Amino acid sequence: MSPKKPGPEKISDALSSYLKAAGLDVRMVQAAVVPEWAELVGHDIAAVTEPLFVTPDGSLFVAVRTNAWMTELQLMEPQLVAALNTDPDRPRVRKLRFQLQRPD
């Protein structure tokens, strides 16, 4: 009698195993701040910004519609970083990097 073969693995388990083996699981958790941006910083700021990506060192790049808003957000950076780091299980955002949004 031959040993029984294991059944198929769930795709979510296979993907999770792959991300962990590749060292990307932490980056996935870190990048979750991008889709949660509006919830974390509020509607007014989200309306004039677009989070782009997070670097491995914790810098979040954010596109901003106008120079005036960019200046305002630079002054608010400590408060924004604190709002982004409320989840203790997520790697910290250490710095915000603002750039002027290009017209469509």
C-alpha atoms as a PDB file:
ATOM      1  CA  MET A   1       0.000   0.000   0.000  1.00  0.00           C
ATOM      2  CA  SER A   2       1.440   3.394  -1.016  1.00  0.00           C
ATOM      3  CA  PRO A   3       1.406   6.361   1.387  1.00  0.00           C
ATOM      4  CA  LYS A   4      -1.504   8.710   1.013  1.00  0.00           C
ATOM      5  CA  LYS A   5      -0.711  11.948  -0.836  1.00  0.00           C
ATOM      6  CA  PRO A   6      -1.696  15.159   0.896  1.00  0.00           C
ATOM      7  CA  GLY A   7      -4.639  17.047  -0.573  1.00  0.00           C
ATOM      8  CA  PRO A   8      -4.261  20.331  -2.380  1.00  0.00           C
ATOM      9  CA  GLU A   9      -3.035  23.285  -0.350  1.00  0.00           C
ATOM     10  CA  LYS A  10      -5.166  26.397  -0.043  1.00  0.00           C
ATOM     11  CA  ILE A  11      -3.839  29.170  -2.262  1.00  0.00           C
ATOM     12  CA  SER A  12      -3.851  31.586   0.686  1.00  0.00           C
ATOM     13  CA  ASP A  13      -1.647  29.185   2.673  1.00  0.00           C
ATOM     14  CA  ALA A  14       0.697  28.671  -0.288  1.00  0.00           C
ATOM     15  CA  LEU A  15       0.990  32.419  -0.869  1.00  0.00           C
ATOM     16  CA  SER A  16       1.547  33.088   2.819  1.00  0.00           C
ATOM     17  CA  SER A  17       4.287  30.440   2.955  1.00  0.00           C
ATOM     18  CA  TYR A  18       5.953  31.871  -0.140  1.00  0.00           C
ATOM     19  CA  LEU A  19       5.878  35.465   1.170  1.00  0.00           C
ATOM     20  CA  LYS A  20       7.321  34.370   4.497  1.00  0.00           C
ATOM     21  CA  ALA A  21      10.063  32.280   2.857  1.00  0.00           C
ATOM     22  CA  ALA A  22      10.940  35.216   0.572  1.00  0.00           C
ATOM     23  CA  GLY A  23      11.014  37.639   3.507  1.00  0.00           C
ATOM     24  CA  LEU A  24       8.163  39.676   2.027  1.00  0.00           C
ATOM     25  CA  ASP A  25       5.548  39.056   4.709  1.00  0.00           C
ATOM     26  CA  VAL A  26       6.711  42.036   6.785  1.00  0.00           C
ATOM     27  CA  ARG A  27       6.676  44.268   3.696  1.00  0.00           C
ATOM     28  CA  MET A  28       3.085  43.258   2.959  1.00  0.00           C
ATOM     29  CA  VAL A  29       2.015  44.252   6.459  1.00  0.00           C
ATOM     30  CA  GLN A  30       3.992  47.482   6.181  1.00  0.00           C
ATOM     31  CA  ALA A  31       2.386  48.353   2.833  1.00  0.00           C
ATOM     32  CA  ALA A  32      -1.130  47.952   4.288  1.00  0.00           C
ATOM     33  CA  VAL A  33      -0.891  51.588   5.355  1.00  0.00           C
ATOM     34  CA  VAL A  34      -1.425  52.629   1.701  1.00  0.00           C
ATOM     35  CA  PRO A  35      -5.020  51.367   1.316  1.00  0.00           C
ATOM     36  CA  GLU A  36      -5.806  52.537   4.879  1.00  0.00           C
ATOM     37  CA  TRP A  37      -4.475  56.067   4.254  1.00  0.00           C
ATOM     38  CA  ALA A  38      -7.852  57.860   4.114  1.00  0.00           C
ATOM     39  CA  GLU A  39      -9.060  56.168   7.281  1.00  0.00           C
ATOM     40  CA  LEU A  40      -5.850  57.002   9.141  1.00  0.00           C
ATOM     41  CA  VAL A  41      -5.316  60.640   8.095  1.00  0.00           C
ATOM     42  CA  GLY A  42      -8.899  61.761   7.536  1.00  0.00           C
ATOM     43  CA  HIS A  43     -11.053  62.697   4.569  1.00  0.00           C
ATOM     44  CA  ASP A  44      -9.749  66.265   4.071  1.00  0.00           C
ATOM     45  CA  ILE A  45      -6.130  65.198   3.733  1.00  0.00           C
ATOM     46  CA  ALA A  46      -6.997  62.099   1.711  1.00  0.00           C
ATOM     47  CA  ALA A  47      -8.895  64.284  -0.770  1.00  0.00           C
ATOM     48  CA  VAL A  48      -5.711  66.152  -1.750  1.00  0.00           C
ATOM     49  CA  THR A  49      -3.169  63.331  -1.468  1.00  0.00           C
ATOM     50  CA  GLU A  50      -2.434  59.878  -2.805  1.00  0.00           C
ATOM     51  CA  PRO A  51      -0.174  57.463  -0.923  1.00  0.00           C
ATOM     52  CA  LEU A  52       2.165  55.791  -3.383  1.00  0.00           C
ATOM     53  CA  PHE A  53       4.410  53.241  -1.668  1.00  0.00           C
ATOM     54  CA  VAL A  54       6.415  52.457   1.459  1.00  0.00           C
ATOM     55  CA  THR A  55      10.141  51.781   1.272  1.00  0.00           C
ATOM     56  CA  PRO A  56      11.754  49.028   3.370  1.00  0.00           C
ATOM     57  CA  ASP A  57      13.195  51.665   5.723  1.00  0.00           C
ATOM     58  CA  GLY A  58       9.706  52.995   6.493  1.00  0.00           C
ATOM     59  CA  SER A  59       9.486  56.054   4.238  1.00  0.00           C
ATOM     60  CA  LEU A  60       5.989  56.579   2.833  1.00  0.00           C
ATOM     61  CA  PHE A  61       5.876  58.487  -0.453  1.00  0.00           C
ATOM     62  CA  VAL A  62       2.772  60.619  -0.883  1.00  0.00           C
ATOM     63  CA  ALA A  63       1.672  62.604  -3.945  1.00  0.00           C
ATOM     64  CA  VAL A  64       0.113  65.979  -3.082  1.00  0.00           C
ATOM     65  CA  ARG A  65      -2.081  68.119  -5.367  1.00  0.00           C
ATOM     66  CA  THR A  66      -0.657  71.580  -4.596  1.00  0.00           C
ATOM     67  CA  ASN A  67       2.440  73.227  -3.185  1.00  0.00           C
ATOM     68  CA  ALA A  68       0.324  74.883  -0.495  1.00  0.00           C
ATOM     69  CA  TRP A  69      -0.937  71.518   0.739  1.00  0.00           C
ATOM     70  CA  MET A  70       2.566  70.078   0.560  1.00  0.00           C
ATOM     71  CA  THR A  71       3.844  72.831   2.848  1.00  0.00           C
ATOM     72  CA  GLU A  72       0.943  72.306   5.266  1.00  0.00           C
ATOM     73  CA  LEU A  73       1.476  68.544   5.344  1.00  0.00           C
ATOM     74  CA  GLN A  74       5.210  68.917   5.959  1.00  0.00           C
ATOM     75  CA  LEU A  75       4.356  70.939   9.054  1.00  0.00           C
ATOM     76  CA  MET A  76       1.880  68.247  10.115  1.00  0.00           C
ATOM     77  CA  GLU A  77       4.297  65.353   9.551  1.00  0.00           C
ATOM     78  CA  PRO A  78       4.749  64.397  13.233  1.00  0.00           C
ATOM     79  CA  GLN A  79       0.986  64.155  13.751  1.00  0.00           C
ATOM     80  CA  LEU A  80       0.477  62.236  10.502  1.00  0.00           C
ATOM     81  CA  VAL A  81       3.241  59.754  11.315  1.00  0.00           C
ATOM     82  CA  ALA A  82       1.699  59.204  14.754  1.00  0.00           C
ATOM     83  CA  ALA A  83      -1.705  58.553  13.140  1.00  0.00           C
ATOM     84  CA  LEU A  84      -0.157  56.052  10.720  1.00  0.00           C
ATOM     85  CA  ASN A  85       1.595  54.158  13.518  1.00  0.00           C
ATOM     86  CA  THR A  86      -1.398  53.384  15.729  1.00  0.00           C
ATOM     87  CA  ASP A  87      -1.239  49.640  14.928  1.00  0.00           C
ATOM     88  CA  PRO A  88       1.524  48.165  17.136  1.00  0.00           C
ATOM     89  CA  ASP A  89       1.738  45.040  14.936  1.00  0.00           C
ATOM     90  CA  ARG A  90       2.647  47.009  11.799  1.00  0.00           C
ATOM     91  CA  PRO A  91       6.214  48.089  11.034  1.00  0.00           C
ATOM     92  CA  ARG A  92       6.514  51.804  11.699  1.00  0.00           C
ATOM     93  CA  VAL A  93       6.286  54.531   9.099  1.00  0.00           C
ATOM     94  CA  ARG A  94       9.347  56.615   9.969  1.00  0.00           C
ATOM     95  CA  LYS A  95       9.183  59.427   7.430  1.00  0.00           C
ATOM     96  CA  LEU A  96       6.765  60.961   4.955  1.00  0.00           C
ATOM     97  CA  ARG A  97       8.146  62.015   1.578  1.00  0.00           C
ATOM     98  CA  PHE A  98       5.841  64.422  -0.219  1.00  0.00           C
ATOM     99  CA  GLN A  99       5.999  65.059  -3.943  1.00  0.00           C
ATOM    100  CA  LEU A 100       3.872  67.232  -6.162  1.00  0.00           C
ATOM    101  CA  GLN A 101       1.257  65.187  -7.992  1.00  0.00           C
ATOM    102  CA  ARG A 102       1.591  65.251 -11.744  1.00  0.00           C
ATOM    103  CA  PRO A 103      -1.490  66.300 -13.712  1.00  0.00           C
ATOM    104  CA  ASP A 104      -3.351  63.447 -15.426  1.00  0.00           C
END
